[in-house]
Amino acid sequence: MDPYVALAKNTIELYIRERKIYKPAAEELTEEMRTGRAGVFVSIHENEDLRGCIGTIAPTRASLAEEIISNAIAAATRDPRFYPIREEELPFLSISVDVLGEAEPIRSKAELDVKRYGVIVEKSRRRGLLLPDLEGVDTVDDQVEIAKRKAGIFEDDEDVQLYRFEVIRHE
């Protein structure tokens, strides 16, 4: 199993079963996980349906491993769209971990590609993010509109700042 996914899976299972924070052994972690820092999203699916997804746009923890652990627990227990994961669901979950690259400002939607880039939309103090290459998101317009809704930006105007980023997806 991919070490990023294994870390998220072990974290979720221990937290759901015992309400304890997973402490990985050093040999479980890659060098990047021990010393790297980046924004991370942990996505949980149950039978192909989204069951939780929480992440950070930029690093908030001392290491990538700590970012994964924190976001795995949040995705399993604090995604406001879903009730917390229950122990009986654990065997049916699939988990992915997206490590975000640096976000770069862009001038227009023409610089986006839904398969390659995630998008961040920003207006005033509102910000929404959508990961790349998501099932059912087939156009740049769809991607930007969903990110705007997540940010609570409902006006139809184009007066939003756009950013794009790439991810390394671990499944």
N, C-alpha and C. Protein backbone atom coordinates (compact mmCIF):
# COMPACT_ATOMS: atom_id res chain seq x y z
N MET A 1 0.85 -1.18 0.00
CA MET A 1 0.00 0.00 0.00
C MET A 1 0.89 1.24 0.00
N ASP A 2 0.47 2.25 -0.71
CA ASP A 2 1.18 3.53 -0.75
C ASP A 2 1.36 4.03 0.69
N PRO A 3 2.57 4.48 1.07
CA PRO A 3 2.80 4.90 2.46
C PRO A 3 1.95 6.10 2.90
N TYR A 4 1.59 6.99 1.98
CA TYR A 4 0.74 8.13 2.32
C TYR A 4 -0.67 7.66 2.67
N VAL A 5 -1.18 6.74 1.85
CA VAL A 5 -2.51 6.18 2.09
C VAL A 5 -2.49 5.32 3.36
N ALA A 6 -1.44 4.54 3.55
CA ALA A 6 -1.34 3.70 4.75
C ALA A 6 -1.35 4.57 6.00
N LEU A 7 -0.65 5.69 5.98
CA LEU A 7 -0.64 6.59 7.14
C LEU A 7 -2.04 7.12 7.42
N ALA A 8 -2.73 7.57 6.38
CA ALA A 8 -4.09 8.09 6.56
C ALA A 8 -5.02 6.99 7.05
N LYS A 9 -4.93 5.81 6.47
CA LYS A 9 -5.80 4.68 6.84
C LYS A 9 -5.57 4.28 8.29
N ASN A 10 -4.31 4.10 8.68
CA ASN A 10 -4.00 3.72 10.06
C ASN A 10 -4.48 4.78 11.05
N THR A 11 -4.32 6.04 10.66
CA THR A 11 -4.76 7.15 11.51
C THR A 11 -6.27 7.10 11.71
N ILE A 12 -7.01 6.96 10.62
CA ILE A 12 -8.47 6.94 10.69
C ILE A 12 -8.95 5.75 11.52
N GLU A 13 -8.40 4.57 11.25
CA GLU A 13 -8.86 3.38 11.96
C GLU A 13 -8.60 3.48 13.46
N LEU A 14 -7.41 3.92 13.87
CA LEU A 14 -7.11 4.03 15.29
C LEU A 14 -7.98 5.10 15.95
N TYR A 15 -8.16 6.22 15.27
CA TYR A 15 -8.95 7.29 15.86
C TYR A 15 -10.42 6.88 16.01
N ILE A 16 -10.97 6.24 15.01
CA ILE A 16 -12.38 5.84 15.07
C ILE A 16 -12.57 4.74 16.13
N ARG A 17 -11.65 3.81 16.22
CA ARG A 17 -11.80 2.70 17.17
C ARG A 17 -11.50 3.10 18.61
N GLU A 18 -10.45 3.92 18.81
CA GLU A 18 -9.96 4.17 20.17
C GLU A 18 -9.85 5.65 20.55
N ARG A 19 -10.15 6.55 19.60
CA ARG A 19 -10.00 8.00 19.82
C ARG A 19 -8.58 8.37 20.22
N LYS A 20 -7.60 7.65 19.62
CA LYS A 20 -6.19 7.93 19.86
C LYS A 20 -5.55 8.43 18.57
N ILE A 21 -4.55 9.28 18.72
CA ILE A 21 -3.80 9.81 17.58
C ILE A 21 -2.72 8.80 17.19
N TYR A 22 -2.68 8.45 15.92
CA TYR A 22 -1.69 7.48 15.42
C TYR A 22 -0.29 8.08 15.46
N LYS A 23 0.65 7.31 15.99
CA LYS A 23 2.06 7.71 16.03
C LYS A 23 2.84 6.72 15.18
N PRO A 24 3.15 7.08 13.94
CA PRO A 24 3.82 6.13 13.06
C PRO A 24 5.27 5.89 13.47
N ALA A 25 5.74 4.69 13.23
CA ALA A 25 7.15 4.38 13.41
C ALA A 25 7.94 5.05 12.29
N ALA A 26 9.15 5.42 12.55
CA ALA A 26 9.99 6.14 11.57
C ALA A 26 10.08 5.40 10.25
N GLU A 27 10.15 4.07 10.29
CA GLU A 27 10.31 3.29 9.06
C GLU A 27 9.04 3.29 8.20
N GLU A 28 7.92 3.71 8.75
CA GLU A 28 6.68 3.81 7.97
C GLU A 28 6.65 5.04 7.08
N LEU A 29 7.51 6.00 7.37
CA LEU A 29 7.45 7.31 6.69
C LEU A 29 8.56 7.46 5.67
N THR A 30 8.23 8.07 4.56
CA THR A 30 9.25 8.43 3.58
C THR A 30 10.00 9.67 4.09
N GLU A 31 11.11 9.96 3.49
CA GLU A 31 11.86 11.17 3.86
C GLU A 31 11.00 12.42 3.67
N GLU A 32 10.25 12.47 2.57
CA GLU A 32 9.37 13.62 2.32
C GLU A 32 8.32 13.76 3.42
N MET A 33 7.78 12.65 3.87
CA MET A 33 6.76 12.70 4.92
C MET A 33 7.34 13.19 6.25
N ARG A 34 8.59 12.86 6.51
CA ARG A 34 9.25 13.29 7.76
C ARG A 34 9.64 14.75 7.73
N THR A 35 10.13 15.23 6.58
CA THR A 35 10.74 16.57 6.55
C THR A 35 10.02 17.57 5.64
N GLY A 36 9.20 17.08 4.72
CA GLY A 36 8.53 17.98 3.79
C GLY A 36 7.34 18.67 4.43
N ARG A 37 6.92 19.76 3.82
CA ARG A 37 5.73 20.48 4.26
C ARG A 37 4.94 20.88 3.03
N ALA A 38 3.63 20.69 3.09
CA ALA A 38 2.75 21.06 1.97
C ALA A 38 1.32 21.00 2.46
N GLY A 39 0.43 21.63 1.70
CA GLY A 39 -0.99 21.44 1.93
C GLY A 39 -1.35 20.02 1.53
N VAL A 40 -2.34 19.45 2.20
CA VAL A 40 -2.74 18.06 1.96
C VAL A 40 -4.25 17.96 2.08
N PHE A 41 -4.85 17.19 1.18
CA PHE A 41 -6.26 16.83 1.30
C PHE A 41 -6.37 15.33 1.45
N VAL A 42 -7.18 14.90 2.40
CA VAL A 42 -7.48 13.48 2.58
C VAL A 42 -8.94 13.29 2.18
N SER A 43 -9.17 12.39 1.23
CA SER A 43 -10.52 12.09 0.75
C SER A 43 -10.87 10.66 1.12
N ILE A 44 -12.08 10.48 1.61
CA ILE A 44 -12.56 9.16 2.02
C ILE A 44 -13.81 8.85 1.21
N HIS A 45 -13.81 7.67 0.60
CA HIS A 45 -14.98 7.20 -0.14
C HIS A 45 -15.46 5.89 0.47
N GLU A 46 -16.78 5.69 0.44
CA GLU A 46 -17.37 4.43 0.85
C GLU A 46 -18.23 3.96 -0.31
N ASN A 47 -17.85 2.81 -0.88
CA ASN A 47 -18.57 2.28 -2.05
C ASN A 47 -18.71 3.34 -3.14
N GLU A 48 -17.63 4.02 -3.46
CA GLU A 48 -17.56 5.02 -4.52
C GLU A 48 -18.20 6.37 -4.18
N ASP A 49 -18.90 6.49 -3.05
CA ASP A 49 -19.51 7.75 -2.65
C ASP A 49 -18.59 8.51 -1.71
N LEU A 50 -18.47 9.82 -1.92
CA LEU A 50 -17.67 10.63 -1.03
C LEU A 50 -18.23 10.53 0.38
N ARG A 51 -17.34 10.34 1.34
CA ARG A 51 -17.75 10.17 2.74
C ARG A 51 -17.08 11.20 3.65
N GLY A 52 -16.07 11.87 3.11
CA GLY A 52 -15.38 12.92 3.86
C GLY A 52 -14.19 13.42 3.06
N CYS A 53 -13.95 14.72 3.13
CA CYS A 53 -12.79 15.30 2.45
C CYS A 53 -12.45 16.60 3.15
N ILE A 54 -11.27 16.64 3.74
CA ILE A 54 -10.80 17.84 4.44
C ILE A 54 -9.33 18.01 4.09
N GLY A 55 -8.93 19.27 3.99
CA GLY A 55 -7.53 19.51 3.71
C GLY A 55 -7.11 20.93 4.02
N THR A 56 -5.86 21.16 3.73
CA THR A 56 -5.25 22.46 3.95
C THR A 56 -4.60 22.92 2.64
N ILE A 57 -4.80 24.19 2.33
CA ILE A 57 -4.24 24.75 1.10
C ILE A 57 -2.73 24.92 1.22
N ALA A 58 -2.28 25.29 2.40
CA ALA A 58 -0.86 25.47 2.69
C ALA A 58 -0.55 24.68 3.96
N PRO A 59 0.71 24.39 4.22
CA PRO A 59 1.04 23.60 5.41
C PRO A 59 0.69 24.34 6.70
N THR A 60 0.18 23.58 7.66
CA THR A 60 -0.13 24.12 8.99
C THR A 60 0.60 23.35 10.08
N ARG A 61 1.26 22.29 9.71
CA ARG A 61 1.95 21.42 10.67
C ARG A 61 3.44 21.38 10.35
N ALA A 62 4.21 20.77 11.25
CA ALA A 62 5.67 20.75 11.12
C ALA A 62 6.16 19.81 10.02
N SER A 63 5.34 18.83 9.63
CA SER A 63 5.77 17.88 8.60
C SER A 63 4.57 17.41 7.79
N LEU A 64 4.87 16.83 6.66
CA LEU A 64 3.82 16.27 5.80
C LEU A 64 3.08 15.15 6.54
N ALA A 65 3.79 14.33 7.30
CA ALA A 65 3.14 13.25 8.06
C ALA A 65 2.13 13.83 9.05
N GLU A 66 2.50 14.89 9.76
CA GLU A 66 1.58 15.50 10.72
C GLU A 66 0.38 16.11 10.01
N GLU A 67 0.60 16.66 8.82
CA GLU A 67 -0.49 17.25 8.04
C GLU A 67 -1.48 16.15 7.62
N ILE A 68 -0.95 15.01 7.19
CA ILE A 68 -1.81 13.89 6.79
C ILE A 68 -2.61 13.37 7.98
N ILE A 69 -1.96 13.20 9.12
CA ILE A 69 -2.64 12.70 10.32
C ILE A 69 -3.77 13.64 10.73
N SER A 70 -3.48 14.92 10.79
CA SER A 70 -4.48 15.90 11.19
C SER A 70 -5.67 15.92 10.23
N ASN A 71 -5.39 15.94 8.94
CA ASN A 71 -6.46 16.02 7.95
C ASN A 71 -7.23 14.71 7.80
N ALA A 72 -6.58 13.58 8.06
CA ALA A 72 -7.28 12.30 8.02
C ALA A 72 -8.34 12.23 9.13
N ILE A 73 -7.97 12.66 10.33
CA ILE A 73 -8.92 12.68 11.44
C ILE A 73 -10.07 13.64 11.12
N ALA A 74 -9.73 14.82 10.62
CA ALA A 74 -10.76 15.80 10.28
C ALA A 74 -11.70 15.29 9.20
N ALA A 75 -11.15 14.65 8.16
CA ALA A 75 -12.00 14.13 7.08
C ALA A 75 -12.95 13.05 7.59
N ALA A 76 -12.49 12.25 8.55
CA ALA A 76 -13.31 11.16 9.08
C ALA A 76 -14.34 11.63 10.10
N THR A 77 -14.08 12.77 10.74
CA THR A 77 -14.94 13.14 11.88
C THR A 77 -15.53 14.54 11.81
N ARG A 78 -14.98 15.43 10.96
CA ARG A 78 -15.42 16.83 11.03
C ARG A 78 -15.82 17.44 9.69
N ASP A 79 -15.99 16.65 8.65
CA ASP A 79 -16.50 17.22 7.40
C ASP A 79 -17.97 17.56 7.64
N PRO A 80 -18.34 18.85 7.57
CA PRO A 80 -19.71 19.23 7.94
C PRO A 80 -20.79 18.66 7.01
N ARG A 81 -20.40 18.11 5.89
CA ARG A 81 -21.39 17.55 4.95
C ARG A 81 -21.84 16.14 5.34
N PHE A 82 -21.10 15.51 6.27
CA PHE A 82 -21.35 14.11 6.59
C PHE A 82 -21.32 13.88 8.09
N TYR A 83 -21.97 12.84 8.53
CA TYR A 83 -21.83 12.43 9.93
C TYR A 83 -20.48 11.72 10.08
N PRO A 84 -19.92 11.69 11.29
CA PRO A 84 -18.61 11.05 11.48
C PRO A 84 -18.62 9.57 11.08
N ILE A 85 -17.49 9.12 10.59
CA ILE A 85 -17.30 7.70 10.23
C ILE A 85 -17.54 6.85 11.48
N ARG A 86 -18.21 5.72 11.28
CA ARG A 86 -18.45 4.76 12.37
C ARG A 86 -17.55 3.54 12.16
N GLU A 87 -17.26 2.86 13.23
CA GLU A 87 -16.35 1.72 13.18
C GLU A 87 -16.80 0.66 12.17
N GLU A 88 -18.10 0.42 12.07
CA GLU A 88 -18.58 -0.63 11.16
C GLU A 88 -18.37 -0.26 9.68
N GLU A 89 -18.08 1.00 9.39
CA GLU A 89 -17.82 1.42 8.02
C GLU A 89 -16.37 1.19 7.58
N LEU A 90 -15.46 1.05 8.53
CA LEU A 90 -14.03 1.01 8.22
C LEU A 90 -13.65 0.02 7.12
N PRO A 91 -14.19 -1.20 7.08
CA PRO A 91 -13.77 -2.14 6.03
C PRO A 91 -14.16 -1.71 4.61
N PHE A 92 -15.07 -0.76 4.49
CA PHE A 92 -15.61 -0.38 3.19
C PHE A 92 -15.04 0.93 2.65
N LEU A 93 -14.08 1.49 3.35
CA LEU A 93 -13.55 2.80 2.96
C LEU A 93 -12.38 2.69 2.02
N SER A 94 -12.30 3.62 1.08
CA SER A 94 -11.09 3.81 0.28
C SER A 94 -10.63 5.25 0.54
N ILE A 95 -9.32 5.41 0.56
CA ILE A 95 -8.74 6.68 0.98
C ILE A 95 -7.74 7.13 -0.07
N SER A 96 -7.74 8.43 -0.34
CA SER A 96 -6.69 9.01 -1.17
C SER A 96 -6.12 10.23 -0.45
N VAL A 97 -4.87 10.50 -0.75
CA VAL A 97 -4.16 11.64 -0.16
C VAL A 97 -3.59 12.47 -1.31
N ASP A 98 -3.99 13.73 -1.37
CA ASP A 98 -3.48 14.65 -2.38
C ASP A 98 -2.51 15.62 -1.72
N VAL A 99 -1.27 15.63 -2.21
CA VAL A 99 -0.27 16.57 -1.73
C VAL A 99 -0.23 17.71 -2.73
N LEU A 100 -0.52 18.91 -2.24
CA LEU A 100 -0.66 20.07 -3.12
C LEU A 100 0.67 20.71 -3.42
N GLY A 101 0.82 21.08 -4.70
CA GLY A 101 1.95 21.91 -5.10
C GLY A 101 1.64 23.37 -4.78
N GLU A 102 2.59 24.20 -5.02
CA GLU A 102 2.44 25.64 -4.76
C GLU A 102 1.36 26.23 -5.67
N ALA A 103 0.46 27.01 -5.10
CA ALA A 103 -0.58 27.67 -5.91
C ALA A 103 0.01 28.88 -6.61
N GLU A 104 -0.38 29.04 -7.88
CA GLU A 104 0.11 30.20 -8.64
C GLU A 104 -1.07 30.98 -9.19
N PRO A 105 -1.02 32.31 -9.10
CA PRO A 105 -2.12 33.11 -9.65
C PRO A 105 -2.16 32.99 -11.17
N ILE A 106 -3.37 32.99 -11.71
CA ILE A 106 -3.54 32.97 -13.16
C ILE A 106 -4.49 34.10 -13.56
N ARG A 107 -4.45 34.46 -14.84
CA ARG A 107 -5.25 35.59 -15.32
C ARG A 107 -6.63 35.19 -15.81
N SER A 108 -6.75 33.94 -16.27
CA SER A 108 -8.05 33.54 -16.82
C SER A 108 -8.23 32.03 -16.73
N LYS A 109 -9.47 31.60 -16.95
CA LYS A 109 -9.79 30.18 -16.97
C LYS A 109 -9.04 29.43 -18.07
N ALA A 110 -8.60 30.15 -19.09
CA ALA A 110 -7.88 29.52 -20.19
C ALA A 110 -6.60 28.83 -19.72
N GLU A 111 -6.09 29.23 -18.57
CA GLU A 111 -4.87 28.64 -18.04
C GLU A 111 -5.13 27.42 -17.16
N LEU A 112 -6.39 26.98 -17.10
CA LEU A 112 -6.75 25.81 -16.30
C LEU A 112 -6.96 24.59 -17.18
N ASP A 113 -6.84 23.44 -16.59
CA ASP A 113 -7.13 22.14 -17.20
C ASP A 113 -7.66 21.28 -16.06
N VAL A 114 -8.93 20.86 -16.12
CA VAL A 114 -9.57 20.16 -14.99
C VAL A 114 -8.88 18.86 -14.62
N LYS A 115 -8.19 18.25 -15.56
CA LYS A 115 -7.51 16.99 -15.26
C LYS A 115 -6.15 17.23 -14.59
N ARG A 116 -5.50 18.32 -14.94
CA ARG A 116 -4.14 18.58 -14.45
C ARG A 116 -4.10 19.49 -13.23
N TYR A 117 -4.91 20.54 -13.21
CA TYR A 117 -4.82 21.56 -12.17
C TYR A 117 -6.04 21.59 -11.28
N GLY A 118 -5.80 21.79 -9.99
CA GLY A 118 -6.85 22.18 -9.06
C GLY A 118 -6.99 23.68 -9.17
N VAL A 119 -8.10 24.21 -8.62
CA VAL A 119 -8.34 25.64 -8.70
C VAL A 119 -8.69 26.18 -7.32
N ILE A 120 -8.23 27.39 -7.06
CA ILE A 120 -8.63 28.16 -5.89
C ILE A 120 -9.26 29.44 -6.43
N VAL A 121 -10.44 29.76 -5.92
CA VAL A 121 -11.08 31.04 -6.25
C VAL A 121 -11.10 31.88 -4.99
N GLU A 122 -10.89 33.17 -5.19
CA GLU A 122 -10.82 34.05 -4.04
C GLU A 122 -11.47 35.38 -4.37
N LYS A 123 -12.28 35.87 -3.44
CA LYS A 123 -12.89 37.19 -3.57
C LYS A 123 -13.07 37.72 -2.16
N SER A 124 -12.52 38.90 -1.93
CA SER A 124 -12.52 39.47 -0.58
C SER A 124 -11.90 38.46 0.37
N ARG A 125 -12.65 38.06 1.38
CA ARG A 125 -12.11 37.11 2.36
C ARG A 125 -12.62 35.70 2.14
N ARG A 126 -13.28 35.47 1.04
CA ARG A 126 -13.83 34.14 0.74
C ARG A 126 -12.89 33.39 -0.19
N ARG A 127 -12.72 32.10 0.10
CA ARG A 127 -11.82 31.29 -0.71
C ARG A 127 -12.37 29.88 -0.82
N GLY A 128 -12.36 29.33 -2.03
CA GLY A 128 -12.81 27.96 -2.25
C GLY A 128 -11.81 27.21 -3.11
N LEU A 129 -11.69 25.93 -2.88
CA LEU A 129 -10.73 25.09 -3.58
C LEU A 129 -11.43 23.87 -4.13
N LEU A 130 -11.01 23.45 -5.32
CA LEU A 130 -11.46 22.18 -5.88
C LEU A 130 -10.24 21.46 -6.43
N LEU A 131 -10.11 20.21 -6.04
CA LEU A 131 -8.98 19.38 -6.50
C LEU A 131 -9.14 19.07 -7.99
N PRO A 132 -8.05 18.71 -8.65
CA PRO A 132 -8.13 18.33 -10.07
C PRO A 132 -8.63 16.89 -10.25
N ASP A 133 -9.03 16.60 -11.46
CA ASP A 133 -9.32 15.24 -11.90
C ASP A 133 -10.35 14.54 -11.00
N LEU A 134 -11.46 15.24 -10.77
CA LEU A 134 -12.55 14.67 -9.98
C LEU A 134 -13.64 14.13 -10.89
N GLU A 135 -14.19 12.99 -10.52
CA GLU A 135 -15.27 12.39 -11.30
C GLU A 135 -16.46 13.34 -11.33
N GLY A 136 -17.01 13.55 -12.52
CA GLY A 136 -18.18 14.41 -12.68
C GLY A 136 -17.85 15.87 -12.91
N VAL A 137 -16.60 16.24 -12.78
CA VAL A 137 -16.18 17.62 -13.07
C VAL A 137 -15.40 17.56 -14.38
N ASP A 138 -16.11 17.94 -15.47
CA ASP A 138 -15.56 17.72 -16.80
C ASP A 138 -15.10 18.97 -17.51
N THR A 139 -15.52 20.15 -17.02
CA THR A 139 -15.13 21.39 -17.70
C THR A 139 -14.55 22.37 -16.69
N VAL A 140 -13.75 23.29 -17.22
CA VAL A 140 -13.18 24.35 -16.39
C VAL A 140 -14.30 25.19 -15.77
N ASP A 141 -15.34 25.49 -16.55
CA ASP A 141 -16.45 26.27 -16.01
C ASP A 141 -17.08 25.57 -14.81
N ASP A 142 -17.29 24.25 -14.91
CA ASP A 142 -17.83 23.49 -13.78
C ASP A 142 -16.90 23.58 -12.58
N GLN A 143 -15.62 23.40 -12.82
CA GLN A 143 -14.62 23.42 -11.75
C GLN A 143 -14.64 24.76 -11.01
N VAL A 144 -14.65 25.86 -11.75
CA VAL A 144 -14.64 27.19 -11.14
C VAL A 144 -15.95 27.46 -10.41
N GLU A 145 -17.07 27.07 -10.99
CA GLU A 145 -18.37 27.31 -10.35
C GLU A 145 -18.49 26.53 -9.04
N ILE A 146 -18.03 25.30 -9.01
CA ILE A 146 -18.08 24.51 -7.78
C ILE A 146 -17.19 25.14 -6.72
N ALA A 147 -16.01 25.56 -7.10
CA ALA A 147 -15.10 26.21 -6.14
C ALA A 147 -15.71 27.51 -5.61
N LYS A 148 -16.39 28.27 -6.49
CA LYS A 148 -17.05 29.50 -6.04
C LYS A 148 -18.16 29.19 -5.04
N ARG A 149 -18.95 28.16 -5.30
CA ARG A 149 -20.01 27.78 -4.35
C ARG A 149 -19.42 27.38 -3.01
N LYS A 150 -18.33 26.62 -3.05
CA LYS A 150 -17.69 26.21 -1.80
C LYS A 150 -17.21 27.42 -1.01
N ALA A 151 -16.85 28.49 -1.71
CA ALA A 151 -16.38 29.71 -1.06
C ALA A 151 -17.53 30.60 -0.62
N GLY A 152 -18.74 30.26 -1.05
CA GLY A 152 -19.87 31.12 -0.74
C GLY A 152 -19.94 32.34 -1.64
N ILE A 153 -19.36 32.21 -2.83
CA ILE A 153 -19.40 33.29 -3.83
C ILE A 153 -20.48 32.91 -4.83
N PHE A 154 -21.62 33.59 -4.75
CA PHE A 154 -22.75 33.21 -5.58
C PHE A 154 -23.03 34.18 -6.70
N GLU A 155 -22.34 35.30 -6.71
CA GLU A 155 -22.54 36.24 -7.80
C GLU A 155 -21.99 35.62 -9.09
N ASP A 156 -22.58 36.01 -10.19
CA ASP A 156 -22.17 35.43 -11.47
C ASP A 156 -21.01 36.20 -12.11
N ASP A 157 -20.51 37.21 -11.42
CA ASP A 157 -19.46 38.03 -12.04
C ASP A 157 -18.13 37.28 -12.08
N GLU A 158 -17.25 37.79 -12.89
CA GLU A 158 -15.94 37.18 -13.06
C GLU A 158 -14.89 37.83 -12.15
N ASP A 159 -15.33 38.65 -11.21
CA ASP A 159 -14.41 39.40 -10.37
C ASP A 159 -13.86 38.55 -9.22
N VAL A 160 -13.24 37.44 -9.59
CA VAL A 160 -12.59 36.59 -8.60
C VAL A 160 -11.14 36.38 -9.03
N GLN A 161 -10.28 36.24 -8.05
CA GLN A 161 -8.88 35.89 -8.35
C GLN A 161 -8.81 34.38 -8.45
N LEU A 162 -8.18 33.89 -9.50
CA LEU A 162 -8.00 32.46 -9.72
C LEU A 162 -6.56 32.06 -9.47
N TYR A 163 -6.38 30.89 -8.88
CA TYR A 163 -5.07 30.28 -8.69
C TYR A 163 -5.18 28.85 -9.18
N ARG A 164 -4.08 28.32 -9.65
CA ARG A 164 -4.05 26.91 -10.02
C ARG A 164 -2.91 26.23 -9.28
N PHE A 165 -3.06 24.92 -9.13
CA PHE A 165 -2.02 24.13 -8.46
C PHE A 165 -2.11 22.70 -8.99
N GLU A 166 -1.01 22.01 -8.89
CA GLU A 166 -0.98 20.59 -9.24
C GLU A 166 -0.94 19.79 -7.94
N VAL A 167 -1.30 18.53 -8.04
CA VAL A 167 -1.24 17.64 -6.89
C VAL A 167 -0.51 16.36 -7.26
N ILE A 168 0.00 15.72 -6.25
CA ILE A 168 0.44 14.34 -6.38
C ILE A 168 -0.58 13.53 -5.60
N ARG A 169 -1.33 12.71 -6.33
CA ARG A 169 -2.41 11.93 -5.72
C ARG A 169 -1.89 10.54 -5.36
N HIS A 170 -2.10 10.18 -4.11
CA HIS A 170 -1.74 8.86 -3.61
C HIS A 170 -3.02 8.09 -3.36
N GLU A 171 -3.15 6.91 -4.01
CA GLU A 171 -4.37 6.11 -3.86
C GLU A 171 -4.01 4.69 -3.46
